[in-house]
């Protein structure tokens, strides 16, 4: 009954878990932040795998014990109890084997990170900016339903409402591993508020989800950063146009993959506290550089995995929002539902769950090959 290939791969897992458990309490390891963070992530991965492994082995033992009782025991009550134990174990074992196979597939090291979510109006003029604003509200509501912290770090408003561009920072447990499925082109089909003939227009907005870089993952010469301050714009607030709380940084960076030097320009008006805005602008700078430096790695992973679910290709059309029909269609997995209003209110977990299942199936298939 036991899958020997699984048992062979599980050899040494529990020993490694015990070893890592000891290492993360070692003061010398805690002092080395980069090593400590790496080992803490490994501990979390091994903890789930070890727990599932122990449950799997327990079910195998229960099945063997039950078979032994059934082959040697004549008491009707004992045989009935053994039969129930065997049925329970045989029902649980296949599901545990599938879970273990999936846990044994190397996880994306970025999945546990916080995320930077960028939304930009695409084709469609004013209507595209309005749609970008609708997507922004949708993601904020979804993040709040997950208990994540979400902040708008910068934005450029559209002439008729919405945003030409808006950047959100999202922090919480496993944020990037969930939101990464949203990267791509989102298309909307509806009658714009500015349309006098009642015709349906097609517009688009692009969404980019980037893993937020830790301070030690990117080297930045802070002495070469040029800072400017400016008065925050926008509606309301006593300090608007009175206090220079907004910050703008300029940084010359050489891309190691191309050898090209480019100027990075980042603005942050998220808070009324200039030092906090500087800190958050630095965080976005680290994330920008991390994303560019690791693009070669990301491309390599994507080409080897060949998954259509979360390639990170920001030019791929991934979803259509059809208002006349009240329909949402995710083109990557042929997923269609007719609950557009609740979807736009942040109820997007079901499609993300379907995307995760589809990608996990591809990962398992690739691992078997």
Protein backbone atom coordinates (compact mmCIF):
# COMPACT_ATOMS: atom_id res chain seq x y z
CA UNK A 1 0.00 0.00 0.00
CA UNK A 2 2.81 2.42 0.85
CA UNK A 3 4.42 4.30 -2.03
CA UNK A 4 8.07 3.24 -1.73
CA UNK A 5 9.30 6.16 -3.85
CA UNK A 6 7.69 8.58 -1.39
CA UNK A 7 9.17 6.82 1.65
CA UNK A 8 12.61 6.91 0.03
CA UNK A 9 12.35 10.66 -0.59
CA UNK A 10 11.21 11.24 2.99
CA UNK A 11 14.33 9.65 4.47
CA UNK A 12 16.27 12.24 6.42
CA UNK A 13 13.45 14.86 6.37
CA UNK A 14 12.68 14.52 10.09
CA UNK A 15 16.39 14.59 10.97
CA UNK A 16 16.85 17.80 8.97
CA UNK A 17 13.80 19.32 10.68
CA UNK A 18 15.29 18.57 14.12
CA UNK A 19 18.63 20.02 12.98
CA UNK A 20 17.07 23.26 11.70
CA UNK A 21 14.94 23.53 14.87
CA UNK A 22 18.17 23.57 16.90
CA UNK A 23 20.02 25.96 14.56
CA UNK A 24 17.40 28.73 14.69
CA UNK A 25 17.83 28.95 18.47
CA UNK A 26 21.64 29.26 18.20
CA UNK A 27 22.77 32.83 19.10
CA UNK A 28 25.48 32.80 16.39
CA UNK A 29 22.85 31.96 13.75
CA UNK A 30 20.43 34.61 15.05
CA UNK A 31 23.26 37.19 14.78
CA UNK A 32 23.66 36.35 11.05
CA UNK A 33 20.34 37.79 9.83
CA UNK A 34 20.60 36.49 6.27
CA UNK A 35 21.26 32.92 7.44
CA UNK A 36 18.61 33.16 10.16
CA UNK A 37 15.92 34.28 7.69
CA UNK A 38 16.86 31.48 5.27
CA UNK A 39 16.74 28.83 8.02
CA UNK A 40 13.46 30.17 9.42
CA UNK A 41 11.86 29.77 5.97
CA UNK A 42 13.25 26.24 5.70
CA UNK A 43 11.87 25.47 9.18
CA UNK A 44 8.36 26.55 8.15
CA UNK A 45 8.51 24.39 5.00
CA UNK A 46 9.88 21.37 6.86
CA UNK A 47 7.40 21.77 9.72
CA UNK A 48 4.43 21.18 7.42
CA UNK A 49 6.16 18.37 5.53
CA UNK A 50 7.27 16.66 8.76
CA UNK A 51 3.76 16.90 10.23
CA UNK A 52 2.20 15.38 7.10
CA UNK A 53 4.93 12.71 6.94
CA UNK A 54 4.26 11.62 10.54
CA UNK A 55 0.53 11.46 9.83
CA UNK A 56 1.22 9.39 6.70
CA UNK A 57 3.43 6.93 8.55
CA UNK A 58 0.82 6.65 11.32
CA UNK A 59 -1.87 5.78 8.77
CA UNK A 60 0.41 3.12 7.24
CA UNK A 61 0.99 1.61 10.69
CA UNK A 62 -2.73 1.71 11.47
CA UNK A 63 -3.48 -0.13 8.23
CA UNK A 64 -0.91 -2.84 8.96
CA UNK A 65 -2.16 -3.32 12.53
CA UNK A 66 -5.75 -3.56 11.32
CA UNK A 67 -4.82 -6.18 8.71
CA UNK A 68 -2.99 -8.20 11.35
CA UNK A 69 -6.05 -8.17 13.62
CA UNK A 70 -8.35 -9.18 10.77
CA UNK A 71 -6.07 -12.11 9.84
CA UNK A 72 -5.74 -13.48 13.38
CA UNK A 73 -8.68 -12.29 15.51
CA UNK A 74 -12.01 -14.14 15.74
CA UNK A 75 -13.85 -11.80 18.12
CA UNK A 76 -16.57 -10.02 16.11
CA UNK A 77 -16.27 -6.72 18.00
CA UNK A 78 -12.47 -6.59 17.58
CA UNK A 79 -12.79 -7.42 13.90
CA UNK A 80 -15.37 -4.65 13.43
CA UNK A 81 -13.07 -2.09 15.10
CA UNK A 82 -10.13 -3.26 12.96
CA UNK A 83 -12.26 -2.99 9.80
CA UNK A 84 -13.20 0.62 10.67
CA UNK A 85 -9.51 1.44 11.35
CA UNK A 86 -8.44 -0.08 8.03
CA UNK A 87 -11.14 1.78 6.07
CA UNK A 88 -10.15 5.09 7.69
CA UNK A 89 -6.45 4.55 6.95
CA UNK A 90 -7.01 3.45 3.34
CA UNK A 91 -9.20 6.52 2.74
CA UNK A 92 -6.59 8.89 4.17
CA UNK A 93 -3.39 7.47 2.63
CA UNK A 94 -3.89 8.51 -1.06
CA UNK A 95 -4.69 12.13 -0.09
CA UNK A 96 -1.65 12.27 2.22
CA UNK A 97 0.54 10.88 -0.58
CA UNK A 98 -0.63 13.62 -2.96
CA UNK A 99 -0.02 16.29 -0.31
CA UNK A 100 3.49 14.97 0.36
CA UNK A 101 4.32 14.85 -3.37
CA UNK A 102 3.32 18.50 -3.67
CA UNK A 103 5.28 19.50 -0.57
CA UNK A 104 8.36 17.76 -1.97
CA UNK A 105 8.26 19.97 -5.09
CA UNK A 106 10.60 22.93 -4.39
CA UNK A 107 8.55 25.99 -3.44
CA UNK A 108 9.06 29.38 -5.05
CA UNK A 109 11.46 31.10 -2.61
CA UNK A 110 9.61 34.38 -3.15
CA UNK A 111 6.16 33.13 -2.07
CA UNK A 112 6.40 34.14 1.60
CA UNK A 113 7.42 37.71 0.81
CA UNK A 114 5.37 40.87 1.02
CA UNK A 115 4.42 42.38 -2.35
CA UNK A 116 4.41 45.60 -4.32
CA UNK A 117 1.31 45.76 -6.53
CA UNK A 118 1.39 48.18 -9.46
CA UNK A 119 -1.75 48.97 -11.49
CA UNK A 120 -1.60 51.07 -14.66
CA UNK A 121 -4.34 52.17 -17.03
CA UNK A 122 -3.65 50.77 -20.51
CA UNK A 123 -5.52 51.13 -23.78
CA UNK A 124 -8.82 52.97 -23.48
CA UNK A 125 -7.96 56.47 -22.24
CA UNK A 126 -10.12 57.78 -19.39
CA UNK A 127 -12.08 54.53 -19.16
CA UNK A 128 -8.82 52.57 -18.65
CA UNK A 129 -7.89 54.84 -15.74
CA UNK A 130 -11.36 54.39 -14.21
CA UNK A 131 -10.98 50.60 -14.56
CA UNK A 132 -7.53 50.77 -12.94
CA UNK A 133 -9.23 52.53 -10.02
CA UNK A 134 -11.86 49.77 -9.85
CA UNK A 135 -9.13 47.12 -9.75
CA UNK A 136 -7.36 49.06 -7.01
CA UNK A 137 -10.52 49.03 -4.85
CA UNK A 138 -10.99 45.33 -5.59
CA UNK A 139 -7.49 44.43 -4.40
CA UNK A 140 -7.72 46.64 -1.31
CA UNK A 141 -10.97 44.93 -0.28
CA UNK A 142 -9.48 41.49 -0.95
CA UNK A 143 -6.33 42.26 1.06
CA UNK A 144 -8.40 43.58 3.96
CA UNK A 145 -10.50 40.38 3.93
CA UNK A 146 -7.25 38.39 4.28
CA UNK A 147 -6.15 40.52 7.23
CA UNK A 148 -3.20 41.93 5.28
CA UNK A 149 -1.93 45.47 5.67
CA UNK A 150 -2.25 47.47 2.45
CA UNK A 151 -1.11 51.03 1.73
CA UNK A 152 -1.14 53.22 -1.37
CA UNK A 153 2.47 54.37 -1.74
CA UNK A 154 2.04 56.52 -4.85
CA UNK A 155 -0.59 57.36 -7.44
CA UNK A 156 -1.38 59.48 -10.48
CA UNK A 157 -5.07 60.27 -10.87
CA UNK A 158 -6.96 60.02 -14.16
CA UNK A 159 -8.68 63.07 -15.64
CA UNK A 160 -12.14 61.46 -15.31
CA UNK A 161 -11.42 59.51 -12.11
CA UNK A 162 -9.52 56.37 -11.22
CA UNK A 163 -5.77 56.17 -11.68
CA UNK A 164 -3.34 56.41 -14.56
CA UNK A 165 -1.00 54.57 -12.19
CA UNK A 166 -1.26 53.44 -8.56
CA UNK A 167 1.22 51.49 -6.43
CA UNK A 168 0.19 49.47 -3.36
CA UNK A 169 2.44 47.86 -0.74
CA UNK A 170 0.92 44.74 0.81
CA UNK A 171 2.29 42.96 3.87
CA UNK A 172 1.11 39.79 5.58
CA UNK A 173 1.58 36.03 5.52
CA UNK A 174 2.30 34.51 2.09
CA UNK A 175 1.24 37.66 0.24
CA UNK A 176 3.34 37.34 -2.92
CA UNK A 177 2.60 33.61 -3.29
CA UNK A 178 -1.11 34.45 -3.60
CA UNK A 179 -1.12 37.80 -5.39
CA UNK A 180 1.45 36.74 -8.04
CA UNK A 181 -1.37 35.16 -10.06
CA UNK A 182 -2.78 38.63 -10.72
CA UNK A 183 0.16 39.81 -12.88
CA UNK A 184 -0.87 40.49 -16.46
CA UNK A 185 -3.34 42.44 -18.59
CA UNK A 186 -6.89 42.76 -17.27
CA UNK A 187 -9.48 43.62 -19.93
CA UNK A 188 -12.87 45.25 -19.28
CA UNK A 189 -15.89 45.34 -21.58
CA UNK A 190 -18.61 47.82 -20.57
CA UNK A 191 -20.42 51.04 -21.48
CA UNK A 192 -18.25 53.91 -20.19
CA UNK A 193 -19.87 56.75 -18.24
CA UNK A 194 -18.70 59.10 -21.01
CA UNK A 195 -20.41 57.07 -23.77
CA UNK A 196 -23.54 58.78 -25.15
CA UNK A 197 -24.58 56.09 -27.65
CA UNK A 198 -24.67 53.20 -25.15
CA UNK A 199 -21.95 51.28 -26.97
CA UNK A 200 -19.78 48.73 -25.16
CA UNK A 201 -16.10 49.67 -25.16
CA UNK A 202 -13.08 47.48 -24.46
CA UNK A 203 -10.33 48.90 -22.24
CA UNK A 204 -7.44 47.41 -20.33
CA UNK A 205 -5.22 47.87 -17.30
CA UNK A 206 -1.96 46.11 -16.47
CA UNK A 207 -1.18 44.64 -13.08
CA UNK A 208 2.37 43.84 -11.94
CA UNK A 209 2.98 42.03 -8.65
CA UNK A 210 6.58 42.13 -7.41
CA UNK A 211 8.09 40.39 -4.37
CA UNK A 212 9.29 43.00 -1.88
CA UNK A 213 13.04 42.79 -1.37
CA UNK A 214 14.61 42.56 2.07
CA UNK A 215 17.26 45.16 2.90
CA UNK A 216 20.13 42.63 2.84
CA UNK A 217 19.14 41.20 -0.57
CA UNK A 218 20.06 44.29 -2.59
CA UNK A 219 23.20 46.44 -2.48
CA UNK A 220 22.45 50.17 -2.70
CA UNK A 221 24.94 52.98 -2.21
CA UNK A 222 22.66 55.32 -0.26
CA UNK A 223 25.23 58.11 -0.55
CA UNK A 224 24.51 58.28 -4.30
CA UNK A 225 20.76 58.73 -3.87
CA UNK A 226 19.54 62.24 -4.72
CA UNK A 227 16.54 63.28 -2.63
CA UNK A 228 13.95 65.97 -3.37
CA UNK A 229 10.98 66.94 -1.22
CA UNK A 230 7.70 68.45 -2.37
CA UNK A 231 4.28 69.32 -1.08
CA UNK A 232 1.73 66.52 -1.26
CA UNK A 233 -1.15 66.96 -3.67
CA UNK A 234 -4.67 65.60 -3.41
CA UNK A 235 -7.92 66.46 -1.70
CA UNK A 236 -8.26 67.41 1.97
CA UNK A 237 -5.85 67.29 4.86
CA UNK A 238 -4.51 70.29 6.70
CA UNK A 239 -0.94 69.73 5.57
CA UNK A 240 -1.74 69.38 1.86
CA UNK A 241 0.25 72.00 -0.11
CA UNK A 242 1.68 73.35 3.18
CA UNK A 243 4.23 70.78 4.39
CA UNK A 244 6.87 69.17 2.14
CA UNK A 245 6.15 65.60 3.26
CA UNK A 246 6.35 64.04 -0.23
CA UNK A 247 9.74 62.62 -1.26
CA UNK A 248 11.33 61.86 -4.62
CA UNK A 249 14.50 59.83 -5.04
CA UNK A 250 16.78 59.57 -8.06
CA UNK A 251 19.31 56.76 -8.30
CA UNK A 252 21.68 55.76 -11.11
CA UNK A 253 21.81 51.97 -11.34
CA UNK A 254 23.74 49.65 -13.65
CA UNK A 255 21.78 46.56 -14.66
CA UNK A 256 24.15 43.58 -14.22
CA UNK A 257 22.20 41.56 -16.81
CA UNK A 258 22.50 44.17 -19.60
CA UNK A 259 25.35 46.45 -18.48
CA UNK A 260 23.09 49.46 -19.14
CA UNK A 261 23.01 52.29 -16.59
CA UNK A 262 19.58 53.80 -16.01
CA UNK A 263 18.09 56.45 -13.77
CA UNK A 264 15.47 55.21 -11.31
CA UNK A 265 12.91 57.78 -10.21
CA UNK A 266 10.57 56.97 -7.30
CA UNK A 267 8.04 59.21 -5.52
CA UNK A 268 6.25 58.50 -2.25
CA UNK A 269 3.47 60.57 -0.68
CA UNK A 270 1.96 57.76 1.40
CA UNK A 271 2.15 59.45 4.82
CA UNK A 272 2.42 62.95 6.28
CA UNK A 273 5.73 61.94 7.84
CA UNK A 274 8.69 62.68 5.55
CA UNK A 275 11.09 60.12 7.19
CA UNK A 276 8.48 57.37 6.77
CA UNK A 277 8.00 58.33 3.13
CA UNK A 278 11.78 58.14 2.64
CA UNK A 279 11.84 54.68 4.21
CA UNK A 280 9.05 53.45 1.94
CA UNK A 281 10.64 54.99 -1.15
CA UNK A 282 13.84 53.08 -0.28
CA UNK A 283 11.80 49.88 0.06
CA UNK A 284 10.36 50.41 -3.43
CA UNK A 285 13.87 51.11 -4.79
CA UNK A 286 15.13 47.81 -3.32
CA UNK A 287 12.15 45.96 -4.81
CA UNK A 288 12.66 47.57 -8.25
CA UNK A 289 16.35 46.59 -8.35
CA UNK A 290 15.66 43.12 -6.95
CA UNK A 291 13.03 42.53 -9.63
CA UNK A 292 15.39 43.60 -12.43
CA UNK A 293 18.42 41.69 -11.10
CA UNK A 294 16.41 38.51 -10.65
CA UNK A 295 14.54 38.71 -13.96
CA UNK A 296 17.05 36.36 -15.59
CA UNK A 297 16.46 33.85 -12.79
CA UNK A 298 12.67 34.26 -13.05
CA UNK A 299 12.77 33.79 -16.85
CA UNK A 300 14.86 30.62 -16.44
CA UNK A 301 12.44 29.16 -13.88
CA UNK A 302 9.45 30.03 -16.09
CA UNK A 303 11.00 28.45 -19.20
CA UNK A 304 11.83 25.24 -17.36
CA UNK A 305 8.49 24.98 -15.59
CA UNK A 306 6.53 26.16 -18.65
CA UNK A 307 3.50 26.99 -16.52
CA UNK A 308 0.83 29.17 -18.08
CA UNK A 309 -0.64 30.06 -14.70
CA UNK A 310 1.90 32.39 -13.10
CA UNK A 311 4.66 33.12 -15.58
CA UNK A 312 4.91 36.71 -14.41
CA UNK A 313 4.53 37.83 -18.04
CA UNK A 314 2.98 41.26 -17.59
CA UNK A 315 2.04 41.53 -21.28
CA UNK A 316 -0.19 38.43 -21.28
CA UNK A 317 -3.98 38.97 -21.29
CA UNK A 318 -5.15 36.97 -18.28
CA UNK A 319 -8.73 38.02 -17.50
CA UNK A 320 -11.81 39.67 -18.99
CA UNK A 321 -14.45 41.54 -16.98
CA UNK A 322 -17.64 41.67 -19.06
CA UNK A 323 -20.18 44.01 -17.43
CA UNK A 324 -23.17 43.53 -19.80
CA UNK A 325 -23.11 39.79 -19.06
CA UNK A 326 -21.93 40.11 -15.43
CA UNK A 327 -19.15 37.68 -16.38
CA UNK A 328 -15.55 37.12 -15.27
CA UNK A 329 -13.34 34.89 -17.45
CA UNK A 330 -9.79 33.88 -16.58
CA UNK A 331 -8.22 32.84 -19.88
CA UNK A 332 -5.35 30.83 -18.36
CA UNK A 333 -7.59 28.09 -16.96
CA UNK A 334 -10.86 28.68 -18.89
CA UNK A 335 -12.53 29.74 -15.63
CA UNK A 336 -15.84 31.61 -16.02
CA UNK A 337 -18.27 32.79 -13.34
CA UNK A 338 -21.19 35.21 -13.38
CA UNK A 339 -20.68 37.07 -10.10
CA UNK A 340 -18.96 40.19 -11.38
CA UNK A 341 -20.30 42.54 -8.70
CA UNK A 342 -19.11 40.45 -5.74
CA UNK A 343 -15.82 39.83 -7.59
CA UNK A 344 -15.23 43.58 -7.90
CA UNK A 345 -16.07 43.87 -4.19
CA UNK A 346 -12.98 41.76 -3.46
CA UNK A 347 -14.41 38.23 -3.58
CA UNK A 348 -11.61 36.86 -5.79
CA UNK A 349 -10.41 33.92 -3.64
CA UNK A 350 -12.20 31.26 -5.71
CA UNK A 351 -10.36 32.10 -8.94
CA UNK A 352 -7.04 32.25 -7.07
CA UNK A 353 -7.76 28.82 -5.55
CA UNK A 354 -8.42 27.43 -9.05
CA UNK A 355 -5.17 28.97 -10.32
CA UNK A 356 -3.20 27.46 -7.43
CA UNK A 357 -4.68 24.02 -8.13
CA UNK A 358 -3.84 24.33 -11.84
CA UNK A 359 -0.26 25.38 -11.14
CA UNK A 360 0.22 22.64 -8.54
CA UNK A 361 -0.93 20.06 -11.11
CA UNK A 362 1.66 21.40 -13.56
CA UNK A 363 4.37 21.33 -10.90
CA UNK A 364 3.60 17.70 -10.05
CA UNK A 365 3.62 16.73 -13.72
CA UNK A 366 6.97 18.48 -14.24
CA UNK A 367 8.44 16.83 -11.13
CA UNK A 368 7.41 13.37 -12.37
CA UNK A 369 9.04 14.05 -15.76
